[in-house]
């Protein structure tokens, strides 16, 4: 369940509020009765093994750099003064 607190409660008891967020609770902060922020735990990072990244890179299409440069030059004039 989402807990709702006031801006004043966040200011006066921030350590307790952050402990609750760290423990997994989502907290909505209000200002003058209007929700203005949501504090929620950051999800844990998912570890991706190096070999998985390497395999994905091997399967990725190759980039023809000359063609990419030509495509970019066709869209943006490289000699234009901005």
PDB file of N, CA and C in Angstrom:
ATOM      1  N   UNK A   1       0.834  -1.183   0.000  1.00  0.00           N
ATOM      2  CA  UNK A   1       0.000   0.000   0.000  1.00  0.00           C
ATOM      3  C   UNK A   1       0.881   1.249   0.000  1.00  0.00           C
ATOM      4  N   UNK A   2       0.434   2.263  -0.702  1.00  0.00           N
ATOM      5  CA  UNK A   2       1.177   3.501  -0.826  1.00  0.00           C
ATOM      6  C   UNK A   2       0.862   4.411   0.359  1.00  0.00           C
ATOM      7  N   UNK A   3       1.881   4.823   1.057  1.00  0.00           N
ATOM      8  CA  UNK A   3       1.707   5.729   2.195  1.00  0.00           C
ATOM      9  C   UNK A   3       1.788   7.163   1.701  1.00  0.00           C
ATOM     10  N   UNK A   4       0.996   8.047   2.278  1.00  0.00           N
ATOM     11  CA  UNK A   4       0.989   9.456   1.895  1.00  0.00           C
ATOM     12  C   UNK A   4       1.468  10.275   3.088  1.00  0.00           C
ATOM     13  N   UNK A   5       2.436  11.162   2.811  1.00  0.00           N
ATOM     14  CA  UNK A   5       2.947  12.044   3.862  1.00  0.00           C
ATOM     15  C   UNK A   5       2.987  13.472   3.332  1.00  0.00           C
ATOM     16  N   UNK A   6       3.073  14.412   4.250  1.00  0.00           N
ATOM     17  CA  UNK A   6       3.178  15.816   3.862  1.00  0.00           C
ATOM     18  C   UNK A   6       4.639  16.202   3.664  1.00  0.00           C
ATOM     19  N   UNK A   7       4.824  17.325   3.004  1.00  0.00           N
ATOM     20  CA  UNK A   7       6.174  17.865   2.822  1.00  0.00           C
ATOM     21  C   UNK A   7       6.823  18.103   4.185  1.00  0.00           C
ATOM     22  N   UNK A   8       6.056  18.566   5.132  1.00  0.00           N
ATOM     23  CA  UNK A   8       6.578  18.833   6.474  1.00  0.00           C
ATOM     24  C   UNK A   8       7.082  17.549   7.131  1.00  0.00           C
ATOM     25  N   UNK A   9       6.303  16.457   6.992  1.00  0.00           N
ATOM     26  CA  UNK A   9       6.733  15.184   7.580  1.00  0.00           C
ATOM     27  C   UNK A   9       8.034  14.705   6.939  1.00  0.00           C
ATOM     28  N   UNK A  10       8.144  14.878   5.629  1.00  0.00           N
ATOM     29  CA  UNK A  10       9.388  14.492   4.954  1.00  0.00           C
ATOM     30  C   UNK A  10      10.558  15.310   5.495  1.00  0.00           C
ATOM     31  N   UNK A  11      10.355  16.605   5.645  1.00  0.00           N
ATOM     32  CA  UNK A  11      11.426  17.475   6.147  1.00  0.00           C
ATOM     33  C   UNK A  11      11.808  17.128   7.586  1.00  0.00           C
ATOM     34  N   UNK A  12      10.813  16.925   8.434  1.00  0.00           N
ATOM     35  CA  UNK A  12      11.080  16.718   9.857  1.00  0.00           C
ATOM     36  C   UNK A  12      11.519  15.305  10.213  1.00  0.00           C
ATOM     37  N   UNK A  13      11.172  14.338   9.382  1.00  0.00           N
ATOM     38  CA  UNK A  13      11.457  12.936   9.721  1.00  0.00           C
ATOM     39  C   UNK A  13      12.039  12.187   8.522  1.00  0.00           C
ATOM     40  N   UNK A  14      12.942  12.857   7.803  1.00  0.00           N
ATOM     41  CA  UNK A  14      13.458  12.274   6.561  1.00  0.00           C
ATOM     42  C   UNK A  14      14.189  10.952   6.786  1.00  0.00           C
ATOM     43  N   UNK A  15      14.888  10.810   7.892  1.00  0.00           N
ATOM     44  CA  UNK A  15      15.620   9.554   8.134  1.00  0.00           C
ATOM     45  C   UNK A  15      14.656   8.381   8.226  1.00  0.00           C
ATOM     46  N   UNK A  16      13.567   8.558   8.960  1.00  0.00           N
ATOM     47  CA  UNK A  16      12.579   7.483   9.100  1.00  0.00           C
ATOM     48  C   UNK A  16      11.887   7.194   7.771  1.00  0.00           C
ATOM     49  N   UNK A  17      11.570   8.253   7.043  1.00  0.00           N
ATOM     50  CA  UNK A  17      10.914   8.086   5.740  1.00  0.00           C
ATOM     51  C   UNK A  17      11.826   7.302   4.800  1.00  0.00           C
ATOM     52  N   UNK A  18      13.090   7.658   4.748  1.00  0.00           N
ATOM     53  CA  UNK A  18      14.018   6.960   3.854  1.00  0.00           C
ATOM     54  C   UNK A  18      14.258   5.522   4.294  1.00  0.00           C
ATOM     55  N   UNK A  19      14.233   5.263   5.595  1.00  0.00           N
ATOM     56  CA  UNK A  19      14.334   3.872   6.057  1.00  0.00           C
ATOM     57  C   UNK A  19      13.149   3.059   5.541  1.00  0.00           C
ATOM     58  N   UNK A  20      11.950   3.647   5.594  1.00  0.00           N
ATOM     59  CA  UNK A  20      10.762   2.949   5.095  1.00  0.00           C
ATOM     60  C   UNK A  20      10.868   2.683   3.597  1.00  0.00           C
ATOM     61  N   UNK A  21      11.361   3.662   2.855  1.00  0.00           N
ATOM     62  CA  UNK A  21      11.543   3.476   1.409  1.00  0.00           C
ATOM     63  C   UNK A  21      12.576   2.391   1.160  1.00  0.00           C
ATOM     64  N   UNK A  22      13.669   2.429   1.884  1.00  0.00           N
ATOM     65  CA  UNK A  22      14.709   1.415   1.724  1.00  0.00           C
ATOM     66  C   UNK A  22      14.166   0.029   2.043  1.00  0.00           C
ATOM     67  N   UNK A  23      13.207  -0.043   2.951  1.00  0.00           N
ATOM     68  CA  UNK A  23      12.603  -1.328   3.328  1.00  0.00           C
ATOM     69  C   UNK A  23      11.577  -1.802   2.300  1.00  0.00           C
ATOM     70  N   UNK A  24      11.308  -0.978   1.276  1.00  0.00           N
ATOM     71  CA  UNK A  24      10.421  -1.423   0.206  1.00  0.00           C
ATOM     72  C   UNK A  24       9.115  -0.673   0.076  1.00  0.00           C
ATOM     73  N   UNK A  25       8.885   0.302   0.925  1.00  0.00           N
ATOM     74  CA  UNK A  25       7.619   1.028   0.892  1.00  0.00           C
ATOM     75  C   UNK A  25       7.678   2.182  -0.103  1.00  0.00           C
ATOM     76  N   UNK A  26       6.567   2.413  -0.813  1.00  0.00           N
ATOM     77  CA  UNK A  26       6.436   3.566  -1.696  1.00  0.00           C
ATOM     78  C   UNK A  26       5.682   4.647  -0.940  1.00  0.00           C
ATOM     79  N   UNK A  27       6.182   5.875  -1.020  1.00  0.00           N
ATOM     80  CA  UNK A  27       5.599   6.982  -0.264  1.00  0.00           C
ATOM     81  C   UNK A  27       5.329   8.147  -1.213  1.00  0.00           C
ATOM     82  N   UNK A  28       4.109   8.665  -1.157  1.00  0.00           N
ATOM     83  CA  UNK A  28       3.743   9.849  -1.923  1.00  0.00           C
ATOM     84  C   UNK A  28       3.849  11.059  -1.006  1.00  0.00           C
ATOM     85  N   UNK A  29       4.519  12.104  -1.497  1.00  0.00           N
ATOM     86  CA  UNK A  29       4.687  13.334  -0.730  1.00  0.00           C
ATOM     87  C   UNK A  29       3.715  14.367  -1.288  1.00  0.00           C
ATOM     88  N   UNK A  30       2.990  15.036  -0.378  1.00  0.00           N
ATOM     89  CA  UNK A  30       2.035  16.057  -0.805  1.00  0.00           C
ATOM     90  C   UNK A  30       2.478  17.435  -0.347  1.00  0.00           C
ATOM     91  N   UNK A  31       2.066  18.432  -1.108  1.00  0.00           N
ATOM     92  CA  UNK A  31       2.253  19.836  -0.733  1.00  0.00           C
ATOM     93  C   UNK A  31       0.880  20.487  -0.820  1.00  0.00           C
ATOM     94  N   UNK A  32       0.413  21.001   0.280  1.00  0.00           N
ATOM     95  CA  UNK A  32      -0.928  21.592   0.351  1.00  0.00           C
ATOM     96  C   UNK A  32      -1.993  20.621  -0.141  1.00  0.00           C
ATOM     97  N   UNK A  33      -1.826  19.342   0.182  1.00  0.00           N
ATOM     98  CA  UNK A  33      -2.811  18.325  -0.167  1.00  0.00           C
ATOM     99  C   UNK A  33      -2.699  17.781  -1.576  1.00  0.00           C
ATOM    100  N   UNK A  34      -1.773  18.302  -2.370  1.00  0.00           N
ATOM    101  CA  UNK A  34      -1.597  17.855  -3.753  1.00  0.00           C
ATOM    102  C   UNK A  34      -0.356  16.974  -3.848  1.00  0.00           C
ATOM    103  N   UNK A  35      -0.484  15.768  -4.411  1.00  0.00           N
ATOM    104  CA  UNK A  35       0.697  14.912  -4.579  1.00  0.00           C
ATOM    105  C   UNK A  35       1.720  15.587  -5.493  1.00  0.00           C
ATOM    106  N   UNK A  36       2.967  15.640  -5.040  1.00  0.00           N
ATOM    107  CA  UNK A  36       4.019  16.283  -5.827  1.00  0.00           C
ATOM    108  C   UNK A  36       5.219  15.381  -6.091  1.00  0.00           C
ATOM    109  N   UNK A  37       5.336  14.297  -5.336  1.00  0.00           N
ATOM    110  CA  UNK A  37       6.492  13.416  -5.529  1.00  0.00           C
ATOM    111  C   UNK A  37       6.153  12.024  -5.029  1.00  0.00           C
ATOM    112  N   UNK A  38       6.877  11.068  -5.584  1.00  0.00           N
ATOM    113  CA  UNK A  38       6.738   9.689  -5.134  1.00  0.00           C
ATOM    114  C   UNK A  38       8.128   9.162  -4.815  1.00  0.00           C
ATOM    115  N   UNK A  39       8.297   8.685  -3.609  1.00  0.00           N
ATOM    116  CA  UNK A  39       9.560   8.070  -3.193  1.00  0.00           C
ATOM    117  C   UNK A  39       9.364   6.569  -3.236  1.00  0.00           C
ATOM    118  N   UNK A  40      10.226   5.891  -3.965  1.00  0.00           N
ATOM    119  CA  UNK A  40      10.116   4.436  -4.050  1.00  0.00           C
ATOM    120  C   UNK A  40      11.509   3.846  -4.120  1.00  0.00           C
ATOM    121  N   UNK A  41      11.632   2.594  -3.694  1.00  0.00           N
ATOM    122  CA  UNK A  41      12.955   1.967  -3.726  1.00  0.00           C
ATOM    123  C   UNK A  41      13.459   1.827  -5.164  1.00  0.00           C
ATOM    124  N   UNK A  42      14.742   1.970  -5.314  1.00  0.00           N
ATOM    125  CA  UNK A  42      15.363   1.713  -6.610  1.00  0.00           C
ATOM    126  C   UNK A  42      15.498   0.205  -6.739  1.00  0.00           C
ATOM    127  N   UNK A  43      15.024  -0.359  -7.856  1.00  0.00           N
ATOM    128  CA  UNK A  43      15.133  -1.817  -7.991  1.00  0.00           C
ATOM    129  C   UNK A  43      16.596  -2.248  -8.038  1.00  0.00           C
ATOM    130  N   UNK A  44      16.882  -3.436  -7.550  1.00  0.00           N
ATOM    131  CA  UNK A  44      18.273  -3.899  -7.580  1.00  0.00           C
ATOM    132  C   UNK A  44      18.759  -4.034  -9.016  1.00  0.00           C
ATOM    133  N   UNK A  45      20.034  -3.764  -9.203  1.00  0.00           N
ATOM    134  CA  UNK A  45      20.621  -3.929 -10.536  1.00  0.00           C
ATOM    135  C   UNK A  45      20.637  -5.395 -10.907  1.00  0.00           C
ATOM    136  N   UNK A  46      20.372  -5.650 -12.157  1.00  0.00           N
ATOM    137  CA  UNK A  46      20.420  -7.017 -12.637  1.00  0.00           C
ATOM    138  C   UNK A  46      21.780  -7.244 -13.277  1.00  0.00           C
ATOM    139  N   UNK A  47      22.489  -8.214 -12.778  1.00  0.00           N
ATOM    140  CA  UNK A  47      23.811  -8.524 -13.303  1.00  0.00           C
ATOM    141  C   UNK A  47      23.676  -9.232 -14.645  1.00  0.00           C
ATOM    142  N   UNK A  48      24.392  -8.751 -15.624  1.00  0.00           N
ATOM    143  CA  UNK A  48      24.434  -9.403 -16.929  1.00  0.00           C
ATOM    144  C   UNK A  48      25.878  -9.843 -17.155  1.00  0.00           C
ATOM    145  N   UNK A  49      26.097 -11.147 -17.301  1.00  0.00           N
ATOM    146  CA  UNK A  49      27.465 -11.632 -17.494  1.00  0.00           C
ATOM    147  C   UNK A  49      28.108 -11.047 -18.758  1.00  0.00           C
ATOM    148  N   UNK A  50      29.403 -10.861 -18.691  1.00  0.00           N
ATOM    149  CA  UNK A  50      30.158 -10.308 -19.818  1.00  0.00           C
ATOM    150  C   UNK A  50      29.947 -11.127 -21.089  1.00  0.00           C
ATOM    151  N   UNK A  51      29.878 -12.455 -20.959  1.00  0.00           N
ATOM    152  CA  UNK A  51      29.713 -13.306 -22.135  1.00  0.00           C
ATOM    153  C   UNK A  51      28.366 -13.040 -22.819  1.00  0.00           C
ATOM    154  N   UNK A  52      27.344 -12.708 -22.051  1.00  0.00           N
ATOM    155  CA  UNK A  52      26.040 -12.395 -22.641  1.00  0.00           C
ATOM    156  C   UNK A  52      26.121 -11.124 -23.480  1.00  0.00           C
ATOM    157  N   UNK A  53      26.807 -10.123 -22.965  1.00  0.00           N
ATOM    158  CA  UNK A  53      26.993  -8.872 -23.708  1.00  0.00           C
ATOM    159  C   UNK A  53      27.819  -9.128 -24.964  1.00  0.00           C
ATOM    160  N   UNK A  54      28.877  -9.904 -24.837  1.00  0.00           N
ATOM    161  CA  UNK A  54      29.735 -10.207 -25.985  1.00  0.00           C
ATOM    162  C   UNK A  54      28.953 -10.948 -27.061  1.00  0.00           C
ATOM    163  N   UNK A  55      28.129 -11.908 -26.670  1.00  0.00           N
ATOM    164  CA  UNK A  55      27.323 -12.648 -27.646  1.00  0.00           C
ATOM    165  C   UNK A  55      26.324 -11.736 -28.347  1.00  0.00           C
ATOM    166  N   UNK A  56      25.714 -10.829 -27.602  1.00  0.00           N
ATOM    167  CA  UNK A  56      24.765  -9.892 -28.205  1.00  0.00           C
ATOM    168  C   UNK A  56      25.479  -8.989 -29.204  1.00  0.00           C
ATOM    169  N   UNK A  57      26.689  -8.549 -28.870  1.00  0.00           N
ATOM    170  CA  UNK A  57      27.455  -7.697 -29.778  1.00  0.00           C
ATOM    171  C   UNK A  57      27.831  -8.452 -31.047  1.00  0.00           C
ATOM    172  N   UNK A  58      28.121  -9.736 -30.919  1.00  0.00           N
ATOM    173  CA  UNK A  58      28.474 -10.542 -32.095  1.00  0.00           C
ATOM    174  C   UNK A  58      27.297 -10.658 -33.060  1.00  0.00           C
ATOM    175  N   UNK A  59      26.075 -10.720 -32.508  1.00  0.00           N
ATOM    176  CA  UNK A  59      24.885 -10.881 -33.350  1.00  0.00           C
ATOM    177  C   UNK A  59      24.360  -9.554 -33.901  1.00  0.00           C
ATOM    178  N   UNK A  60      24.840  -8.455 -33.372  1.00  0.00           N
ATOM    179  CA  UNK A  60      24.360  -7.144 -33.817  1.00  0.00           C
ATOM    180  C   UNK A  60      24.817  -6.885 -35.247  1.00  0.00           C
ATOM    181  N   UNK A  61      24.000  -6.189 -36.015  1.00  0.00           N
ATOM    182  CA  UNK A  61      24.405  -5.887 -37.390  1.00  0.00           C
ATOM    183  C   UNK A  61      25.621  -4.964 -37.411  1.00  0.00           C
ATOM    184  N   UNK A  62      26.446  -5.140 -38.409  1.00  0.00           N
ATOM    185  CA  UNK A  62      27.634  -4.299 -38.565  1.00  0.00           C
ATOM    186  C   UNK A  62      27.216  -2.940 -39.114  1.00  0.00           C
ATOM    187  N   UNK A  63      27.916  -1.914 -38.680  1.00  0.00           N
ATOM    188  CA  UNK A  63      27.616  -0.563 -39.132  1.00  0.00           C
ATOM    189  C   UNK A  63      28.652  -0.170 -40.170  1.00  0.00           C
ATOM    190  N   UNK A  64      28.165   0.211 -41.356  1.00  0.00           N
ATOM    191  CA  UNK A  64      29.037   0.730 -42.405  1.00  0.00           C
ATOM    192  C   UNK A  64      29.235   2.217 -42.106  1.00  0.00           C
ATOM    193  N   UNK A  65      30.400   2.567 -41.570  1.00  0.00           N
ATOM    194  CA  UNK A  65      30.621   3.930 -41.100  1.00  0.00           C
ATOM    195  C   UNK A  65      30.574   4.957 -42.228  1.00  0.00           C
ATOM    196  N   UNK A  66      31.068   4.604 -43.401  1.00  0.00           N
ATOM    197  CA  UNK A  66      31.028   5.534 -44.533  1.00  0.00           C
ATOM    198  C   UNK A  66      29.576   5.814 -44.930  1.00  0.00           C
ATOM    199  N   UNK A  67      28.770   4.783 -44.950  1.00  0.00           N
ATOM    200  CA  UNK A  67      27.350   4.958 -45.304  1.00  0.00           C
ATOM    201  C   UNK A  67      26.614   5.757 -44.220  1.00  0.00           C
ATOM    202  N   UNK A  68      26.930   5.478 -42.962  1.00  0.00           N
ATOM    203  CA  UNK A  68      26.323   6.232 -41.871  1.00  0.00           C
ATOM    204  C   UNK A  68      26.673   7.707 -41.995  1.00  0.00           C
ATOM    205  N   UNK A  69      27.944   8.000 -42.262  1.00  0.00           N
ATOM    206  CA  UNK A  69      28.376   9.398 -42.410  1.00  0.00           C
ATOM    207  C   UNK A  69      27.668  10.066 -43.580  1.00  0.00           C
ATOM    208  N   UNK A  70      27.527   9.348 -44.694  1.00  0.00           N
ATOM    209  CA  UNK A  70      26.829   9.902 -45.856  1.00  0.00           C
ATOM    210  C   UNK A  70      25.364  10.178 -45.525  1.00  0.00           C
ATOM    211  N   UNK A  71      24.734   9.258 -44.816  1.00  0.00           N
ATOM    212  CA  UNK A  71      23.335   9.460 -44.420  1.00  0.00           C
ATOM    213  C   UNK A  71      23.200  10.679 -43.508  1.00  0.00           C
ATOM    214  N   UNK A  72      24.111  10.818 -42.550  1.00  0.00           N
ATOM    215  CA  UNK A  72      24.061  11.968 -41.652  1.00  0.00           C
ATOM    216  C   UNK A  72      24.315  13.270 -42.400  1.00  0.00           C
ATOM    217  N   UNK A  73      25.270  13.255 -43.326  1.00  0.00           N
ATOM    218  CA  UNK A  73      25.563  14.450 -44.111  1.00  0.00           C
ATOM    219  C   UNK A  73      24.385  14.839 -44.994  1.00  0.00           C
ATOM    220  N   UNK A  74      23.615  13.847 -45.445  1.00  0.00           N
ATOM    221  CA  UNK A  74      22.442  14.135 -46.273  1.00  0.00           C
ATOM    222  C   UNK A  74      21.354  14.835 -45.460  1.00  0.00           C
ATOM    223  N   UNK A  75      21.325  14.581 -44.170  1.00  0.00           N
ATOM    224  CA  UNK A  75      20.302  15.177 -43.311  1.00  0.00           C
ATOM    225  C   UNK A  75      20.783  16.497 -42.715  1.00  0.00           C
ATOM    226  N   UNK A  76      22.062  16.548 -42.351  1.00  0.00           N
ATOM    227  CA  UNK A  76      22.629  17.733 -41.713  1.00  0.00           C
ATOM    228  C   UNK A  76      23.795  18.208 -42.559  1.00  0.00           C
ATOM    229  N   UNK A  77      23.758  19.455 -42.964  1.00  0.00           N
ATOM    230  CA  UNK A  77      24.837  20.006 -43.769  1.00  0.00           C
ATOM    231  C   UNK A  77      26.060  20.214 -42.875  1.00  0.00           C
ATOM    232  N   UNK A  78      27.135  19.448 -43.092  1.00  0.00           N
ATOM    233  CA  UNK A  78      28.304  19.550 -42.213  1.00  0.00           C
ATOM    234  C   UNK A  78      29.050  20.876 -42.352  1.00  0.00           C
ATOM    235  N   UNK A  79      28.796  21.615 -43.426  1.00  0.00           N
ATOM    236  CA  UNK A  79      29.506  22.873 -43.643  1.00  0.00           C
ATOM    237  C   UNK A  79      28.689  24.083 -43.203  1.00  0.00           C
ATOM    238  N   UNK A  80      27.499  23.849 -42.686  1.00  0.00           N
ATOM    239  CA  UNK A  80      26.631  24.958 -42.283  1.00  0.00           C
ATOM    240  C   UNK A  80      27.202  25.666 -41.060  1.00  0.00           C
ATOM    241  N   UNK A  81      27.063  26.983 -41.039  1.00  0.00           N
ATOM    242  CA  UNK A  81      27.471  27.779 -39.875  1.00  0.00           C
ATOM    243  C   UNK A  81      26.258  27.972 -38.984  1.00  0.00           C
ATOM    244  N   UNK A  82      26.387  27.527 -37.740  1.00  0.00           N
ATOM    245  CA  UNK A  82      25.273  27.707 -36.794  1.00  0.00           C
ATOM    246  C   UNK A  82      25.616  28.740 -35.778  1.00  0.00           C
TER     247      UNK A  82
END
